[in-house]
N, C-alpha and C. Protein backbone atom coordinates (compact mmCIF):
# COMPACT_ATOMS: atom_id res chain seq x y z
N MET A 1 20.75 -84.86 67.64
CA MET A 1 21.29 -86.00 67.67
C MET A 1 20.57 -86.97 68.72
N ALA A 2 20.29 -87.79 68.35
CA ALA A 2 19.68 -88.99 69.20
C ALA A 2 20.62 -89.18 70.52
N ASP A 3 20.10 -89.73 71.96
CA ASP A 3 20.95 -89.61 73.16
C ASP A 3 21.46 -90.78 73.04
N ALA A 4 21.54 -91.91 72.56
CA ALA A 4 21.83 -92.91 71.96
C ALA A 4 22.44 -93.37 70.46
N GLN A 5 23.64 -93.33 70.34
CA GLN A 5 23.92 -93.91 69.14
C GLN A 5 25.41 -95.25 69.34
N ILE A 6 24.51 -95.86 67.58
CA ILE A 6 26.16 -97.28 67.06
C ILE A 6 26.48 -96.68 66.01
N THR A 7 27.75 -96.45 66.21
CA THR A 7 28.55 -96.49 64.89
C THR A 7 28.87 -97.70 64.75
N LEU A 8 28.94 -98.08 63.18
CA LEU A 8 29.07 -99.56 62.86
C LEU A 8 30.27 -98.88 61.63
N THR A 9 31.16 -100.05 61.69
CA THR A 9 32.46 -100.04 61.13
C THR A 9 33.20 -101.22 60.82
N TYR A 10 33.96 -100.87 59.53
CA TYR A 10 34.66 -102.66 59.35
C TYR A 10 35.92 -102.63 59.94
N SER A 11 36.69 -103.68 60.66
CA SER A 11 38.11 -103.76 60.91
C SER A 11 38.81 -104.95 60.14
N ARG A 12 39.83 -104.64 59.78
CA ARG A 12 40.20 -105.73 58.70
C ARG A 12 40.75 -107.21 60.05
N ASN A 13 40.73 -106.75 61.19
CA ASN A 13 41.56 -107.81 62.24
C ASN A 13 39.86 -108.73 62.79
N VAL A 14 39.33 -107.78 62.83
CA VAL A 14 37.84 -108.38 63.27
C VAL A 14 36.65 -108.77 62.67
N GLY A 15 36.85 -108.00 61.48
CA GLY A 15 34.94 -107.89 61.21
C GLY A 15 34.76 -106.58 61.18
N VAL A 16 33.16 -106.73 61.46
CA VAL A 16 32.30 -105.71 61.70
C VAL A 16 32.61 -105.34 63.06
N VAL A 17 32.78 -103.71 63.48
CA VAL A 17 32.52 -103.85 65.03
C VAL A 17 31.74 -102.49 65.45
N ALA A 18 31.46 -102.41 66.31
CA ALA A 18 30.45 -101.83 66.96
C ALA A 18 30.40 -100.82 67.98
N ILE A 19 30.33 -99.60 68.12
CA ILE A 19 30.71 -98.22 69.13
C ILE A 19 29.21 -97.55 69.66
N ALA A 20 29.31 -97.82 70.83
CA ALA A 20 28.18 -97.20 71.71
C ALA A 20 28.61 -96.00 71.89
N THR A 21 27.54 -95.18 71.67
CA THR A 21 27.67 -93.71 72.18
C THR A 21 26.78 -93.23 72.73
N GLY A 22 26.98 -91.90 72.89
CA GLY A 22 25.95 -90.92 73.69
C GLY A 22 25.51 -90.82 75.59
N GLU A 23 24.70 -89.59 75.51
CA GLU A 23 24.05 -89.68 76.55
C GLU A 23 23.57 -90.96 77.46
N GLN A 24 23.08 -91.81 76.68
CA GLN A 24 22.33 -92.92 76.90
C GLN A 24 23.15 -94.17 76.14
N TYR A 25 24.53 -94.16 76.35
CA TYR A 25 24.58 -95.20 75.42
C TYR A 25 24.97 -97.05 75.99
N LYS A 26 24.45 -96.42 77.49
CA LYS A 26 24.03 -98.22 77.88
C LYS A 26 22.94 -98.78 77.53
N SER A 27 22.15 -97.97 77.13
CA SER A 27 20.97 -98.37 75.56
C SER A 27 21.38 -99.41 74.60
N ALA A 28 22.52 -98.34 73.79
CA ALA A 28 23.20 -98.69 73.20
C ALA A 28 23.87 -100.13 72.97
N GLU A 29 24.49 -99.92 73.76
CA GLU A 29 25.15 -101.51 74.44
C GLU A 29 24.44 -102.04 74.78
N SER A 30 23.17 -102.22 75.06
CA SER A 30 22.50 -103.21 75.57
C SER A 30 21.58 -103.96 74.10
N ALA A 31 21.51 -102.78 73.41
CA ALA A 31 20.67 -103.13 71.95
C ALA A 31 21.94 -104.22 71.64
N LEU A 32 23.05 -103.93 71.13
CA LEU A 32 24.30 -104.89 70.40
C LEU A 32 24.25 -105.57 71.15
N ASN A 33 24.59 -105.77 72.38
CA ASN A 33 24.16 -107.27 73.26
C ASN A 33 23.02 -108.14 72.31
N ASP A 34 21.88 -107.79 72.93
CA ASP A 34 20.96 -108.39 72.26
C ASP A 34 20.86 -108.91 70.97
N ALA A 35 21.76 -108.13 70.29
CA ALA A 35 21.82 -108.66 68.53
C ALA A 35 23.00 -109.45 68.16
N GLY A 36 23.69 -109.63 69.66
CA GLY A 36 24.39 -110.46 69.06
C GLY A 36 26.12 -110.25 69.03
N PHE A 37 26.29 -109.18 69.40
CA PHE A 37 27.09 -107.98 69.50
C PHE A 37 27.94 -108.81 70.46
N ARG A 38 29.68 -109.10 70.57
CA ARG A 38 30.25 -109.32 71.91
C ARG A 38 30.84 -107.91 72.31
N ARG A 39 31.15 -107.71 73.55
CA ARG A 39 32.20 -106.87 73.91
C ARG A 39 33.35 -106.98 73.91
N GLY A 40 34.02 -106.21 73.49
CA GLY A 40 35.74 -106.37 73.29
C GLY A 40 36.46 -105.25 73.76
N GLU A 41 37.87 -105.87 73.29
CA GLU A 41 39.02 -104.61 74.00
C GLU A 41 38.41 -103.51 73.76
N ALA A 42 38.74 -102.30 74.53
CA ALA A 42 38.35 -100.71 74.79
C ALA A 42 36.87 -100.73 74.91
N GLY A 43 35.88 -101.64 74.68
CA GLY A 43 34.18 -101.38 74.78
C GLY A 43 34.18 -101.63 73.62
N VAL A 44 34.77 -102.06 72.35
CA VAL A 44 34.59 -102.06 70.86
C VAL A 44 33.51 -103.41 71.57
N TYR A 45 32.34 -102.87 70.55
CA TYR A 45 32.06 -104.68 70.42
C TYR A 45 31.93 -104.84 69.05
N GLN A 46 32.12 -106.63 68.65
CA GLN A 46 32.39 -107.13 67.49
C GLN A 46 30.90 -108.07 67.39
N LEU A 47 31.00 -108.86 65.77
CA LEU A 47 30.32 -109.52 65.50
C LEU A 47 31.12 -111.04 65.64
N THR A 48 30.17 -112.57 66.41
CA THR A 48 30.82 -113.54 66.19
C THR A 48 31.14 -114.32 64.92
N TYR A 49 29.97 -113.92 64.25
CA TYR A 49 29.69 -114.61 63.08
C TYR A 49 30.87 -114.17 61.77
N THR A 50 30.96 -115.12 61.53
CA THR A 50 31.86 -115.75 60.27
C THR A 50 31.11 -115.73 58.92
N ASP A 51 30.24 -116.04 58.84
CA ASP A 51 29.69 -116.50 57.62
C ASP A 51 28.33 -115.41 57.25
N GLU A 52 28.72 -114.81 55.60
CA GLU A 52 28.66 -113.65 55.54
C GLU A 52 27.19 -112.91 55.41
N ALA A 53 26.07 -114.05 54.84
CA ALA A 53 25.04 -114.09 55.69
C ALA A 53 24.40 -113.59 56.48
N ALA A 54 24.92 -114.68 57.47
CA ALA A 54 24.67 -114.18 58.83
C ALA A 54 24.97 -112.50 59.30
N VAL A 55 26.23 -111.84 58.98
CA VAL A 55 26.44 -110.94 59.43
C VAL A 55 25.53 -110.38 59.09
N ARG A 56 25.17 -110.48 57.66
CA ARG A 56 24.47 -109.08 57.00
C ARG A 56 22.90 -109.06 57.62
N ALA A 57 22.26 -110.27 57.48
CA ALA A 57 21.05 -110.49 58.39
C ALA A 57 21.06 -109.62 60.28
N THR A 58 21.89 -110.00 60.59
CA THR A 58 21.90 -109.52 61.99
C THR A 58 22.21 -107.81 61.98
N LEU A 59 22.84 -107.44 61.23
CA LEU A 59 23.07 -106.10 61.07
C LEU A 59 21.75 -105.36 60.96
N ALA A 60 21.25 -105.82 59.88
CA ALA A 60 19.96 -105.96 59.47
C ALA A 60 18.74 -105.70 60.47
N HIS A 61 18.65 -106.68 61.24
CA HIS A 61 17.37 -106.88 62.17
C HIS A 61 18.24 -105.86 63.66
N SER A 62 19.41 -105.87 63.60
CA SER A 62 19.87 -105.33 64.93
C SER A 62 19.40 -103.36 64.51
N ALA A 63 19.59 -102.94 63.50
CA ALA A 63 19.69 -101.66 62.81
C ALA A 63 17.94 -101.33 62.97
N GLU A 64 17.31 -102.13 62.92
CA GLU A 64 15.38 -101.78 62.90
C GLU A 64 15.21 -101.89 64.52
N ARG A 65 16.18 -102.68 65.02
CA ARG A 65 15.67 -103.23 66.88
C ARG A 65 16.18 -101.79 66.88
N ALA A 66 17.54 -101.39 66.84
CA ALA A 66 17.88 -100.37 67.80
C ALA A 66 17.04 -99.42 67.17
N GLU A 67 17.10 -98.78 66.11
CA GLU A 67 15.82 -97.56 65.66
C GLU A 67 14.45 -97.38 66.43
N ALA A 68 13.95 -98.55 66.45
CA ALA A 68 12.63 -99.07 67.09
C ALA A 68 12.91 -98.34 68.53
N ARG A 69 13.83 -98.66 69.15
CA ARG A 69 14.30 -98.06 70.66
C ARG A 69 14.88 -96.26 70.64
N GLY A 70 14.47 -96.24 69.28
CA GLY A 70 15.31 -94.85 69.48
C GLY A 70 16.85 -94.28 69.39
N ILE A 71 17.32 -95.47 69.28
CA ILE A 71 18.97 -95.47 69.07
C ILE A 71 19.02 -94.92 67.61
N GLN A 72 19.86 -94.25 67.43
CA GLN A 72 20.74 -93.93 65.97
C GLN A 72 21.48 -94.56 65.51
N VAL A 73 21.43 -95.35 64.09
CA VAL A 73 22.75 -96.50 63.34
C VAL A 73 23.25 -95.43 63.01
N THR A 74 24.88 -95.92 62.55
CA THR A 74 25.08 -95.25 61.08
C THR A 74 26.52 -96.18 60.89
N ALA A 75 26.15 -96.60 59.90
CA ALA A 75 27.33 -97.06 59.20
C ALA A 75 28.45 -96.57 58.75
N SER A 76 29.98 -96.05 59.21
CA SER A 76 30.90 -95.51 58.91
C SER A 76 31.07 -95.65 57.62
N SER A 77 31.81 -94.79 56.94
CA SER A 77 32.39 -95.41 55.38
C SER A 77 34.01 -95.21 55.91
N ARG A 78 34.37 -95.40 56.85
CA ARG A 78 36.05 -95.23 57.07
C ARG A 78 36.11 -96.30 57.66
N ARG A 79 37.42 -96.61 57.45
CA ARG A 79 37.61 -98.02 58.56
C ARG A 79 38.01 -97.44 60.02
N PHE A 80 38.04 -99.00 60.58
CA PHE A 80 38.24 -98.94 62.11
C PHE A 80 38.90 -98.38 62.67
N ILE A 81 39.49 -96.83 63.36
CA ILE A 81 40.38 -96.19 63.93
C ILE A 81 41.16 -97.31 64.42
N GLY A 82 40.94 -98.34 65.22
CA GLY A 82 42.22 -99.03 65.59
C GLY A 82 43.37 -99.95 64.68
N ASP A 83 42.53 -99.82 63.09
CA ASP A 83 43.20 -100.30 62.03
C ASP A 83 44.66 -99.14 61.37
N THR A 84 43.87 -97.84 61.88
CA THR A 84 44.44 -97.09 61.33
C THR A 84 45.75 -96.67 62.16
N ALA A 85 45.38 -96.59 63.07
CA ALA A 85 46.57 -96.47 63.88
C ALA A 85 47.57 -97.42 64.25
N GLN A 86 47.13 -98.67 64.08
CA GLN A 86 48.21 -99.83 63.81
C GLN A 86 49.08 -99.47 62.66
N ASP A 87 48.32 -99.03 61.03
CA ASP A 87 49.38 -99.03 60.19
C ASP A 87 50.09 -98.03 60.33
N ILE A 88 49.56 -96.52 60.88
CA ILE A 88 50.74 -95.45 61.52
C ILE A 88 51.97 -96.32 62.35
N ALA A 89 51.56 -96.52 63.25
CA ALA A 89 52.74 -97.12 63.99
C ALA A 89 53.29 -98.01 63.57
N ARG A 90 53.38 -98.89 62.58
CA ARG A 90 54.02 -99.62 61.88
C ARG A 90 55.17 -99.11 60.90
N CYS A 91 54.77 -97.55 60.62
CA CYS A 91 55.64 -96.19 59.83
C CYS A 91 56.38 -95.47 60.99
N LEU A 92 56.13 -95.84 62.09
CA LEU A 92 56.99 -95.01 62.77
C LEU A 92 58.11 -95.61 63.41
N PRO A 93 59.52 -94.99 63.58
CA PRO A 93 60.60 -95.60 64.08
C PRO A 93 60.51 -95.99 65.27
N GLY A 94 60.91 -97.37 65.69
CA GLY A 94 60.55 -98.26 66.93
C GLY A 94 59.65 -99.05 67.05
N GLN A 95 59.63 -99.49 68.32
CA GLN A 95 58.02 -99.80 68.38
C GLN A 95 56.71 -99.12 69.07
N TRP A 96 55.83 -98.96 68.83
CA TRP A 96 54.67 -98.39 69.19
C TRP A 96 53.75 -99.03 69.46
N ASP A 97 52.99 -99.07 70.59
CA ASP A 97 51.68 -99.82 71.31
C ASP A 97 51.05 -98.63 70.55
N THR A 98 49.23 -99.52 70.43
CA THR A 98 48.57 -98.90 70.03
C THR A 98 46.97 -99.22 70.76
N ARG A 99 46.06 -98.49 71.08
CA ARG A 99 44.90 -98.52 72.16
C ARG A 99 44.23 -97.71 71.61
N VAL A 100 42.43 -98.48 71.46
CA VAL A 100 41.26 -97.65 71.11
C VAL A 100 40.49 -97.02 72.14
N GLU A 101 40.11 -95.60 71.80
CA GLU A 101 39.72 -95.37 73.67
C GLU A 101 38.03 -94.86 73.17
N ILE A 102 37.25 -95.15 73.94
CA ILE A 102 35.91 -95.33 73.41
C ILE A 102 35.27 -93.90 74.52
N TYR A 103 34.95 -93.17 74.43
CA TYR A 103 33.86 -91.42 75.08
C TYR A 103 32.63 -92.09 75.26
N SER A 104 32.26 -92.88 75.26
CA SER A 104 30.73 -92.80 74.86
C SER A 104 30.36 -91.99 75.73
N HIS A 105 29.98 -91.53 76.92
CA HIS A 105 29.50 -90.04 77.23
C HIS A 105 29.96 -88.85 76.63
N PRO A 106 29.37 -87.90 76.23
CA PRO A 106 29.94 -87.02 75.50
C PRO A 106 31.07 -86.09 76.78
N VAL A 107 30.47 -86.38 78.04
CA VAL A 107 31.54 -85.35 78.99
C VAL A 107 32.52 -86.12 79.16
N TRP A 108 33.10 -87.21 78.72
CA TRP A 108 34.06 -88.15 78.89
C TRP A 108 34.99 -87.14 77.86
N GLN A 109 34.52 -86.85 76.89
CA GLN A 109 35.66 -85.93 75.98
C GLN A 109 36.57 -84.78 76.42
N GLU A 110 35.95 -84.26 77.20
CA GLU A 110 36.40 -83.16 78.25
C GLU A 110 37.27 -83.52 78.76
N ASP A 111 37.50 -84.83 79.11
CA ASP A 111 38.86 -84.78 79.63
C ASP A 111 40.57 -84.88 78.76
N LEU A 112 39.99 -84.84 77.36
CA LEU A 112 41.32 -85.02 76.68
C LEU A 112 41.78 -83.70 76.93
N VAL A 113 41.45 -82.29 76.71
CA VAL A 113 41.43 -81.18 76.66
C VAL A 113 42.78 -81.17 77.42
N ALA A 114 43.02 -81.35 78.53
CA ALA A 114 43.87 -80.66 79.49
C ALA A 114 45.33 -81.80 79.12
N TYR A 115 45.46 -82.62 78.16
CA TYR A 115 46.22 -83.67 77.91
C TYR A 115 47.13 -83.52 76.57
N LEU A 116 46.31 -82.62 76.01
CA LEU A 116 46.95 -82.24 74.81
C LEU A 116 47.76 -81.77 74.89
N TRP A 117 49.03 -81.68 73.99
CA TRP A 117 50.11 -81.05 73.81
C TRP A 117 49.86 -80.28 72.39
N ASP A 118 49.06 -80.32 71.73
CA ASP A 118 48.78 -79.45 70.52
C ASP A 118 47.67 -77.87 70.56
N CYS A 119 48.20 -77.13 69.91
CA CYS A 119 47.47 -75.89 70.00
C CYS A 119 46.75 -75.60 68.63
N GLY A 120 47.07 -76.52 67.54
CA GLY A 120 46.08 -76.23 66.14
C GLY A 120 44.90 -76.91 66.46
N GLU A 121 44.52 -77.69 65.32
CA GLU A 121 43.76 -77.93 64.75
C GLU A 121 42.74 -79.28 65.63
N LEU A 122 44.03 -79.95 66.25
CA LEU A 122 43.54 -81.24 66.75
C LEU A 122 43.28 -80.71 68.26
N ALA A 123 42.95 -79.65 69.01
CA ALA A 123 42.77 -79.47 70.36
C ALA A 123 41.15 -78.61 69.67
N ARG A 124 41.51 -78.21 68.71
CA ARG A 124 40.11 -77.15 68.39
C ARG A 124 39.30 -77.95 68.16
N VAL A 125 39.40 -79.13 67.43
CA VAL A 125 37.98 -80.21 67.05
C VAL A 125 38.36 -80.93 68.52
N VAL A 126 38.64 -81.27 69.11
CA VAL A 126 38.56 -81.72 70.57
C VAL A 126 37.53 -80.96 71.89
N GLN A 127 37.89 -79.91 71.20
CA GLN A 127 37.07 -78.54 72.41
C GLN A 127 35.75 -78.63 71.69
N THR A 128 35.69 -78.68 70.26
CA THR A 128 33.98 -78.42 69.32
C THR A 128 33.36 -78.98 68.94
N ASP A 129 33.65 -79.86 68.46
CA ASP A 129 33.71 -81.38 68.16
C ASP A 129 33.18 -82.42 68.94
N ARG A 130 31.86 -83.30 68.57
CA ARG A 130 32.06 -84.68 69.36
C ARG A 130 32.87 -85.65 68.53
N ILE A 131 34.18 -86.24 69.85
CA ILE A 131 34.76 -86.94 69.14
C ILE A 131 34.75 -88.30 70.04
N PRO A 132 33.49 -89.34 69.41
CA PRO A 132 33.21 -90.55 70.49
C PRO A 132 34.22 -91.57 70.52
N TYR A 133 35.51 -91.60 70.02
CA TYR A 133 36.50 -92.60 70.00
C TYR A 133 38.08 -91.77 69.20
N ALA A 134 39.43 -92.96 69.65
CA ALA A 134 40.09 -92.16 69.53
C ALA A 134 41.36 -93.71 69.42
N ALA A 135 42.13 -93.35 68.92
CA ALA A 135 43.10 -94.07 69.06
C ALA A 135 44.61 -93.88 69.51
N THR A 136 45.08 -93.71 70.52
CA THR A 136 46.74 -93.84 71.23
C THR A 136 47.77 -94.69 70.29
N LEU A 137 48.47 -94.16 70.33
CA LEU A 137 50.00 -94.95 70.04
C LEU A 137 51.33 -94.10 70.79
N THR A 138 51.88 -95.42 71.64
CA THR A 138 52.33 -94.88 72.55
C THR A 138 53.98 -95.68 72.13
N ASP A 139 55.06 -94.78 72.45
CA ASP A 139 55.95 -95.44 72.37
C ASP A 139 57.18 -96.16 74.05
N PRO A 140 56.89 -97.28 73.92
CA PRO A 140 56.85 -97.36 75.46
C PRO A 140 58.81 -96.43 75.95
N ILE A 141 59.71 -96.77 75.38
CA ILE A 141 60.53 -96.73 75.52
C ILE A 141 60.72 -94.98 76.05
N SER A 142 60.22 -94.31 75.33
CA SER A 142 60.46 -92.59 75.32
C SER A 142 59.13 -92.18 76.05
N GLY A 143 58.03 -92.95 75.93
CA GLY A 143 56.92 -92.39 77.24
C GLY A 143 55.89 -91.74 75.95
N THR A 144 56.30 -91.33 74.82
CA THR A 144 55.78 -90.57 74.12
C THR A 144 54.54 -91.26 73.81
N THR A 145 53.36 -90.10 73.62
CA THR A 145 52.24 -90.65 73.38
C THR A 145 51.82 -89.55 72.35
N LEU A 146 50.73 -90.20 71.30
CA LEU A 146 49.89 -89.64 70.39
C LEU A 146 48.71 -89.75 70.24
N LEU A 147 47.94 -88.46 69.78
CA LEU A 147 46.22 -89.33 70.24
C LEU A 147 45.98 -88.91 68.42
N LEU A 148 45.26 -90.09 67.86
CA LEU A 148 44.96 -89.96 66.33
C LEU A 148 43.32 -89.96 66.94
N VAL A 149 42.65 -88.61 66.10
CA VAL A 149 41.13 -88.85 65.89
C VAL A 149 40.65 -88.82 64.62
N GLU A 150 39.79 -89.02 64.06
CA GLU A 150 39.18 -88.80 62.90
C GLU A 150 38.83 -87.48 62.18
N HIS A 151 39.38 -86.64 61.10
CA HIS A 151 38.80 -85.62 61.25
C HIS A 151 37.44 -85.14 60.96
N PRO A 152 36.76 -84.26 61.79
CA PRO A 152 35.31 -84.26 61.58
C PRO A 152 35.04 -83.45 59.82
N GLY A 153 34.37 -83.76 59.42
CA GLY A 153 34.15 -83.07 58.05
C GLY A 153 35.05 -83.62 57.19
N HIS A 154 36.33 -84.20 57.52
CA HIS A 154 36.76 -84.42 56.48
C HIS A 154 37.29 -85.98 55.93
N GLN A 155 36.43 -86.40 54.87
CA GLN A 155 36.17 -87.80 54.94
C GLN A 155 37.60 -89.02 55.12
N LEU A 156 38.57 -88.52 54.41
CA LEU A 156 39.64 -88.76 54.32
C LEU A 156 41.05 -88.95 55.19
N SER A 157 40.38 -87.55 56.27
CA SER A 157 41.54 -87.24 57.11
C SER A 157 41.65 -87.52 58.75
N TYR A 158 42.49 -87.38 59.20
CA TYR A 158 42.83 -87.70 60.50
C TYR A 158 43.93 -86.85 61.24
N LEU A 159 44.04 -86.38 62.08
CA LEU A 159 44.16 -85.95 63.24
C LEU A 159 45.32 -86.63 64.31
N VAL A 160 46.15 -85.68 64.41
CA VAL A 160 47.41 -86.66 65.63
C VAL A 160 47.87 -85.11 66.28
N GLY A 161 48.19 -85.25 67.27
CA GLY A 161 48.84 -84.79 68.42
C GLY A 161 49.15 -85.37 69.21
N ALA A 162 50.13 -84.87 69.86
CA ALA A 162 51.40 -85.24 71.30
C ALA A 162 49.92 -85.23 72.43
N SER A 163 50.19 -86.17 73.24
CA SER A 163 49.45 -85.74 74.27
C SER A 163 50.11 -86.95 75.66
N TYR A 164 49.16 -86.12 76.52
CA TYR A 164 49.92 -87.25 78.16
C TYR A 164 49.39 -88.06 78.15
N GLN A 165 50.62 -89.37 78.18
CA GLN A 165 50.30 -90.53 78.73
C GLN A 165 49.24 -91.48 79.71
N SER A 166 49.36 -90.35 80.26
CA SER A 166 49.05 -90.59 81.86
C SER A 166 47.31 -90.39 82.25
N ARG A 167 46.68 -90.00 81.32
CA ARG A 167 45.59 -89.24 81.46
C ARG A 167 44.43 -90.91 81.71
N SER A 168 43.34 -90.46 82.06
CA SER A 168 42.75 -91.89 82.56
C SER A 168 41.29 -91.79 81.79
N VAL A 169 40.48 -92.72 81.21
CA VAL A 169 39.21 -92.65 80.62
C VAL A 169 38.71 -93.23 81.57
N ARG A 170 37.12 -93.33 81.57
CA ARG A 170 36.20 -93.89 82.13
C ARG A 170 36.60 -93.95 83.72
N GLY A 171 36.95 -92.66 84.15
CA GLY A 171 37.12 -92.07 85.72
C GLY A 171 38.22 -93.29 86.70
N SER A 172 39.03 -93.68 85.82
CA SER A 172 40.06 -94.69 86.82
C SER A 172 41.05 -93.81 87.36
N THR A 173 42.28 -93.80 87.93
CA THR A 173 42.69 -92.93 88.53
C THR A 173 43.35 -92.38 87.74
N ILE A 174 43.20 -90.71 88.34
CA ILE A 174 44.20 -89.42 87.68
C ILE A 174 45.21 -88.96 87.83
N ARG A 175 45.98 -88.96 87.19
CA ARG A 175 47.48 -88.32 88.16
C ARG A 175 47.70 -86.93 87.64
N THR A 176 48.46 -86.25 88.56
CA THR A 176 48.84 -85.03 88.18
C THR A 176 49.08 -84.55 87.40
N LEU A 177 49.85 -83.66 86.15
CA LEU A 177 49.98 -83.69 85.09
C LEU A 177 51.50 -82.82 85.70
N PRO A 178 52.29 -82.92 84.38
CA PRO A 178 52.97 -82.48 84.59
C PRO A 178 53.02 -80.69 84.16
N ALA A 179 54.41 -79.89 83.51
CA ALA A 179 54.10 -78.86 83.74
C ALA A 179 53.14 -78.42 82.58
N ALA A 180 52.94 -77.69 82.83
CA ALA A 180 51.31 -77.46 81.47
C ALA A 180 51.58 -77.26 80.72
N SER A 181 51.01 -77.67 79.37
CA SER A 181 51.21 -77.98 78.02
C SER A 181 51.34 -76.42 77.62
N PRO A 182 51.84 -76.48 76.42
CA PRO A 182 52.32 -74.82 75.82
C PRO A 182 50.91 -74.27 75.63
N CYS A 183 49.62 -75.21 75.11
CA CYS A 183 48.44 -74.63 75.21
C CYS A 183 47.33 -74.08 76.04
N HIS A 184 47.63 -74.77 77.20
CA HIS A 184 46.64 -74.87 78.36
C HIS A 184 47.12 -74.52 79.75
N ARG A 185 47.74 -73.25 79.29
CA ARG A 185 48.54 -73.10 80.73
C ARG A 185 47.56 -72.31 82.12
N SER A 186 47.93 -72.31 82.98
CA SER A 186 47.26 -71.42 83.68
C SER A 186 46.97 -69.81 83.89
N PRO A 187 46.03 -69.16 84.19
CA PRO A 187 46.13 -67.36 83.72
C PRO A 187 47.90 -66.91 84.50
N ALA A 188 48.09 -67.54 85.26
CA ALA A 188 49.41 -67.19 86.40
C ALA A 188 50.77 -67.40 85.39
N ALA A 189 50.46 -68.28 84.48
CA ALA A 189 51.73 -68.55 83.94
C ALA A 189 52.13 -67.52 82.73
N PRO A 190 53.77 -67.64 82.64
CA PRO A 190 54.16 -66.36 81.76
C PRO A 190 53.76 -67.18 80.30
N ARG A 191 53.89 -66.78 79.11
CA ARG A 191 53.89 -67.23 77.76
C ARG A 191 54.83 -66.95 76.86
N ARG A 192 55.56 -67.54 76.89
CA ARG A 192 57.06 -67.70 75.96
C ARG A 192 57.16 -67.17 74.61
């Protein structure tokens, strides 16, 4: 895999979006800026053009320039994960807030493991597969937070599980976890 990647996808709310990832994600971000993308919420880049011909020309030109710099460009066949999270939130009881999280550098993904309250497929995927982005759904009343990720290798499938809500992204303040999750106990903690 290339040291820098750009994933392109479509959002019904903003149009074409791009996510820069990889150990050299700053190079991918620079290529997106040079191509006319603008950084939006949570580090998701978006095109500001509304003209379809301009969008196509920009995408073709930006892909050529990025690949010339050694940046891998992929067009995802999935819809934008932020849209999926909003659709799920509308189906849940009460009011849920959604937020996209980008784990541009592969090391950042490792921070997720301690915050998952899931012992199954989601925990396994987060530990073994590259998850460059996810979405959270949070009930502000109860504080319940769910983590939503694309299920690698399953085109139309997602994984969702409970997550401790106060984790940090990109090195902001890290808060102490409450009692250990059922899956991530310290060696001294007895299993029930």
